[in-house]
Amino acid sequence: MVKQGAVCADVVDGDTFDTRAGIRLRLARVYAPEIDTEEGKRAKGRLEMLILDKPITYEVVARDDWGSVVAEVWVNNVNVNDIMRSYGYAEPW
């Protein structure tokens, strides 16, 4: 797979965000709590701290049923998917 670059423009929830190029990305192997829960709000906040307004690298692994790109994502060469799972903000799916 080919890695691509982008900048995170908006974090939707704890596992979904939009790039400045208008691409919606979902973190592969991650399922964050729903945004209307306290856990979901914390997950979104953590993802914002990691990637909001920062350059990221991503590798597409699939597309979901809603048209989002499902991807492995890196910031500063660190895998964001793994970070979200290791901090307990997400469950594997």
N, C-alpha and C. Protein backbone atom coordinates (compact mmCIF):
# COMPACT_ATOMS: atom_id res chain seq x y z
N MET A 1 0.84 -1.19 0.00
CA MET A 1 0.00 0.00 0.00
C MET A 1 0.88 1.25 0.00
N VAL A 2 0.31 2.32 -0.51
CA VAL A 2 1.03 3.57 -0.61
C VAL A 2 0.61 4.51 0.51
N LYS A 3 1.58 5.08 1.20
CA LYS A 3 1.27 6.06 2.23
C LYS A 3 1.05 7.41 1.58
N GLN A 4 0.07 8.15 2.15
CA GLN A 4 -0.27 9.47 1.64
C GLN A 4 -0.17 10.47 2.78
N GLY A 5 -0.01 11.72 2.45
CA GLY A 5 0.07 12.76 3.46
C GLY A 5 -1.15 13.65 3.45
N ALA A 6 -1.46 14.24 4.60
CA ALA A 6 -2.59 15.16 4.72
C ALA A 6 -2.41 15.96 6.01
N VAL A 7 -3.33 16.88 6.24
CA VAL A 7 -3.39 17.63 7.50
C VAL A 7 -4.80 17.46 8.05
N CYS A 8 -4.89 17.13 9.34
CA CYS A 8 -6.20 16.96 9.97
C CYS A 8 -6.85 18.33 10.16
N ALA A 9 -8.05 18.49 9.61
CA ALA A 9 -8.78 19.75 9.70
C ALA A 9 -9.83 19.74 10.80
N ASP A 10 -10.41 18.55 11.09
CA ASP A 10 -11.50 18.47 12.06
C ASP A 10 -11.60 17.05 12.57
N VAL A 11 -11.75 16.91 13.87
CA VAL A 11 -11.97 15.59 14.46
C VAL A 11 -13.47 15.44 14.72
N VAL A 12 -14.07 14.41 14.16
CA VAL A 12 -15.50 14.17 14.27
C VAL A 12 -15.83 13.45 15.58
N ASP A 13 -15.05 12.42 15.89
CA ASP A 13 -15.22 11.66 17.13
C ASP A 13 -13.90 10.96 17.42
N GLY A 14 -13.91 9.96 18.27
CA GLY A 14 -12.68 9.32 18.70
C GLY A 14 -12.02 8.40 17.69
N ASP A 15 -12.67 8.18 16.55
CA ASP A 15 -12.04 7.34 15.53
C ASP A 15 -12.23 7.86 14.11
N THR A 16 -12.75 9.08 13.96
CA THR A 16 -13.05 9.63 12.64
C THR A 16 -12.62 11.09 12.57
N PHE A 17 -12.02 11.47 11.44
CA PHE A 17 -11.62 12.87 11.26
C PHE A 17 -11.61 13.23 9.78
N ASP A 18 -11.60 14.53 9.51
CA ASP A 18 -11.56 15.05 8.14
C ASP A 18 -10.22 15.72 7.90
N THR A 19 -9.73 15.58 6.66
CA THR A 19 -8.50 16.26 6.27
C THR A 19 -8.83 17.58 5.59
N ARG A 20 -7.84 18.42 5.45
CA ARG A 20 -8.04 19.70 4.75
C ARG A 20 -8.43 19.49 3.29
N ALA A 21 -8.09 18.33 2.74
CA ALA A 21 -8.45 18.01 1.35
C ALA A 21 -9.88 17.49 1.25
N GLY A 22 -10.60 17.41 2.37
CA GLY A 22 -11.99 16.98 2.35
C GLY A 22 -12.18 15.47 2.39
N ILE A 23 -11.17 14.75 2.79
CA ILE A 23 -11.27 13.29 2.89
C ILE A 23 -11.61 12.92 4.33
N ARG A 24 -12.64 12.12 4.49
CA ARG A 24 -13.00 11.62 5.83
C ARG A 24 -12.28 10.30 6.06
N LEU A 25 -11.53 10.23 7.16
CA LEU A 25 -10.77 9.03 7.51
C LEU A 25 -11.27 8.44 8.81
N ARG A 26 -11.32 7.12 8.85
CA ARG A 26 -11.61 6.38 10.09
C ARG A 26 -10.40 5.56 10.43
N LEU A 27 -10.08 5.49 11.70
CA LEU A 27 -8.93 4.70 12.15
C LEU A 27 -9.24 3.21 12.01
N ALA A 28 -8.38 2.49 11.31
CA ALA A 28 -8.53 1.04 11.18
C ALA A 28 -8.26 0.39 12.53
N ARG A 29 -8.92 -0.72 12.79
CA ARG A 29 -8.73 -1.53 14.00
C ARG A 29 -9.18 -0.82 15.27
N VAL A 30 -9.92 0.26 15.14
CA VAL A 30 -10.34 1.05 16.30
C VAL A 30 -11.83 1.31 16.23
N TYR A 31 -12.50 1.19 17.36
CA TYR A 31 -13.90 1.57 17.46
C TYR A 31 -14.05 2.34 18.76
N ALA A 32 -14.11 3.65 18.65
CA ALA A 32 -14.20 4.51 19.84
C ALA A 32 -15.64 4.54 20.35
N PRO A 33 -15.82 4.86 21.64
CA PRO A 33 -17.18 5.00 22.19
C PRO A 33 -17.96 6.09 21.45
N GLU A 34 -19.27 5.98 21.49
CA GLU A 34 -20.13 6.96 20.82
C GLU A 34 -19.87 8.36 21.39
N ILE A 35 -19.95 9.36 20.54
CA ILE A 35 -19.61 10.74 20.90
C ILE A 35 -20.55 11.33 21.95
N ASP A 36 -21.75 10.80 22.09
CA ASP A 36 -22.70 11.34 23.07
C ASP A 36 -22.48 10.78 24.48
N THR A 37 -21.37 10.05 24.68
CA THR A 37 -21.02 9.55 26.00
C THR A 37 -19.79 10.28 26.52
N GLU A 38 -19.58 10.25 27.83
CA GLU A 38 -18.38 10.88 28.40
C GLU A 38 -17.12 10.23 27.85
N GLU A 39 -17.12 8.91 27.70
CA GLU A 39 -15.97 8.20 27.16
C GLU A 39 -15.71 8.63 25.72
N GLY A 40 -16.78 8.82 24.96
CA GLY A 40 -16.65 9.27 23.57
C GLY A 40 -16.07 10.67 23.47
N LYS A 41 -16.49 11.54 24.37
CA LYS A 41 -15.95 12.91 24.38
C LYS A 41 -14.47 12.90 24.74
N ARG A 42 -14.08 12.05 25.68
CA ARG A 42 -12.66 11.95 26.06
C ARG A 42 -11.83 11.40 24.90
N ALA A 43 -12.39 10.40 24.20
CA ALA A 43 -11.69 9.82 23.05
C ALA A 43 -11.49 10.88 21.96
N LYS A 44 -12.53 11.67 21.70
CA LYS A 44 -12.41 12.73 20.70
C LYS A 44 -11.34 13.74 21.13
N GLY A 45 -11.34 14.11 22.39
CA GLY A 45 -10.35 15.06 22.88
C GLY A 45 -8.93 14.54 22.74
N ARG A 46 -8.74 13.26 23.01
CA ARG A 46 -7.41 12.67 22.87
C ARG A 46 -6.97 12.67 21.41
N LEU A 47 -7.89 12.29 20.50
CA LEU A 47 -7.54 12.29 19.08
C LEU A 47 -7.23 13.71 18.61
N GLU A 48 -7.99 14.70 19.08
CA GLU A 48 -7.70 16.10 18.74
C GLU A 48 -6.29 16.48 19.17
N MET A 49 -5.91 16.10 20.40
CA MET A 49 -4.57 16.43 20.89
C MET A 49 -3.49 15.79 20.02
N LEU A 50 -3.77 14.60 19.52
CA LEU A 50 -2.78 13.88 18.71
C LEU A 50 -2.62 14.44 17.31
N ILE A 51 -3.75 14.80 16.65
CA ILE A 51 -3.64 15.07 15.20
C ILE A 51 -4.24 16.37 14.70
N LEU A 52 -5.08 17.06 15.47
CA LEU A 52 -5.76 18.25 14.94
C LEU A 52 -4.76 19.30 14.48
N ASP A 53 -4.93 19.75 13.25
CA ASP A 53 -4.09 20.76 12.61
C ASP A 53 -2.64 20.31 12.42
N LYS A 54 -2.41 19.01 12.47
CA LYS A 54 -1.06 18.47 12.30
C LYS A 54 -0.97 17.67 11.00
N PRO A 55 0.22 17.62 10.41
CA PRO A 55 0.40 16.75 9.25
C PRO A 55 0.39 15.28 9.70
N ILE A 56 -0.32 14.49 8.96
CA ILE A 56 -0.40 13.05 9.23
C ILE A 56 -0.02 12.29 7.96
N THR A 57 0.31 11.04 8.15
CA THR A 57 0.52 10.11 7.04
C THR A 57 -0.51 9.00 7.22
N TYR A 58 -1.08 8.55 6.12
CA TYR A 58 -2.06 7.46 6.25
C TYR A 58 -1.92 6.47 5.11
N GLU A 59 -2.36 5.25 5.41
CA GLU A 59 -2.36 4.16 4.44
C GLU A 59 -3.76 3.56 4.41
N VAL A 60 -4.42 3.64 3.28
CA VAL A 60 -5.79 3.15 3.13
C VAL A 60 -5.80 1.63 3.22
N VAL A 61 -6.72 1.10 4.04
CA VAL A 61 -6.89 -0.35 4.13
C VAL A 61 -8.28 -0.80 3.66
N ALA A 62 -9.25 0.13 3.63
CA ALA A 62 -10.62 -0.22 3.20
C ALA A 62 -11.46 1.05 3.10
N ARG A 63 -12.73 0.85 2.74
CA ARG A 63 -13.75 1.90 2.82
C ARG A 63 -14.89 1.32 3.64
N ASP A 64 -15.49 2.17 4.49
CA ASP A 64 -16.60 1.66 5.30
C ASP A 64 -17.93 1.87 4.58
N ASP A 65 -19.01 1.47 5.22
CA ASP A 65 -20.34 1.55 4.61
C ASP A 65 -20.83 2.98 4.40
N TRP A 66 -20.18 3.95 5.03
CA TRP A 66 -20.59 5.36 4.92
C TRP A 66 -19.69 6.13 3.98
N GLY A 67 -18.77 5.46 3.32
CA GLY A 67 -17.89 6.12 2.35
C GLY A 67 -16.61 6.67 2.92
N SER A 68 -16.39 6.50 4.23
CA SER A 68 -15.14 6.96 4.83
C SER A 68 -14.00 6.03 4.43
N VAL A 69 -12.82 6.61 4.35
CA VAL A 69 -11.61 5.83 4.12
C VAL A 69 -11.17 5.27 5.46
N VAL A 70 -10.97 3.98 5.53
CA VAL A 70 -10.47 3.33 6.75
C VAL A 70 -8.97 3.19 6.57
N ALA A 71 -8.19 3.68 7.55
CA ALA A 71 -6.75 3.76 7.35
C ALA A 71 -5.95 3.57 8.63
N GLU A 72 -4.71 3.17 8.44
CA GLU A 72 -3.69 3.26 9.48
C GLU A 72 -3.16 4.69 9.38
N VAL A 73 -3.00 5.35 10.51
CA VAL A 73 -2.63 6.77 10.52
C VAL A 73 -1.41 6.97 11.42
N TRP A 74 -0.50 7.80 10.96
CA TRP A 74 0.70 8.13 11.73
C TRP A 74 0.84 9.64 11.89
N VAL A 75 1.34 10.05 13.04
CA VAL A 75 1.75 11.43 13.28
C VAL A 75 3.16 11.34 13.86
N ASN A 76 4.08 12.07 13.28
CA ASN A 76 5.49 12.01 13.71
C ASN A 76 6.00 10.56 13.73
N ASN A 77 5.62 9.78 12.74
CA ASN A 77 6.03 8.38 12.60
C ASN A 77 5.55 7.47 13.72
N VAL A 78 4.53 7.87 14.47
CA VAL A 78 3.94 7.06 15.52
C VAL A 78 2.52 6.69 15.09
N ASN A 79 2.16 5.42 15.23
CA ASN A 79 0.86 4.94 14.78
C ASN A 79 -0.25 5.43 15.73
N VAL A 80 -1.13 6.28 15.21
CA VAL A 80 -2.23 6.85 15.99
C VAL A 80 -3.23 5.77 16.39
N ASN A 81 -3.49 4.82 15.51
CA ASN A 81 -4.42 3.73 15.81
C ASN A 81 -3.97 3.00 17.07
N ASP A 82 -2.69 2.67 17.14
CA ASP A 82 -2.15 1.97 18.31
C ASP A 82 -2.22 2.84 19.57
N ILE A 83 -1.97 4.13 19.43
CA ILE A 83 -2.05 5.03 20.59
C ILE A 83 -3.46 5.04 21.15
N MET A 84 -4.46 5.19 20.29
CA MET A 84 -5.84 5.24 20.75
C MET A 84 -6.23 3.95 21.46
N ARG A 85 -5.75 2.84 20.97
CA ARG A 85 -6.05 1.56 21.62
C ARG A 85 -5.29 1.42 22.94
N SER A 86 -4.03 1.84 22.97
CA SER A 86 -3.22 1.64 24.18
C SER A 86 -3.69 2.51 25.34
N TYR A 87 -4.26 3.68 25.05
CA TYR A 87 -4.76 4.54 26.11
C TYR A 87 -6.17 4.18 26.56
N GLY A 88 -6.74 3.15 25.94
CA GLY A 88 -8.06 2.69 26.35
C GLY A 88 -9.21 3.53 25.83
N TYR A 89 -8.94 4.40 24.86
CA TYR A 89 -10.01 5.23 24.30
C TYR A 89 -10.78 4.53 23.19
N ALA A 90 -10.36 3.31 22.85
CA ALA A 90 -11.02 2.62 21.76
C ALA A 90 -10.97 1.12 21.98
N GLU A 91 -11.87 0.42 21.35
CA GLU A 91 -11.92 -1.03 21.37
C GLU A 91 -11.56 -1.53 19.99
N PRO A 92 -10.84 -2.64 19.90
CA PRO A 92 -10.57 -3.19 18.55
C PRO A 92 -11.87 -3.65 17.90
N TRP A 93 -11.95 -3.56 16.59
CA TRP A 93 -13.15 -4.02 15.88
C TRP A 93 -12.78 -4.96 14.78
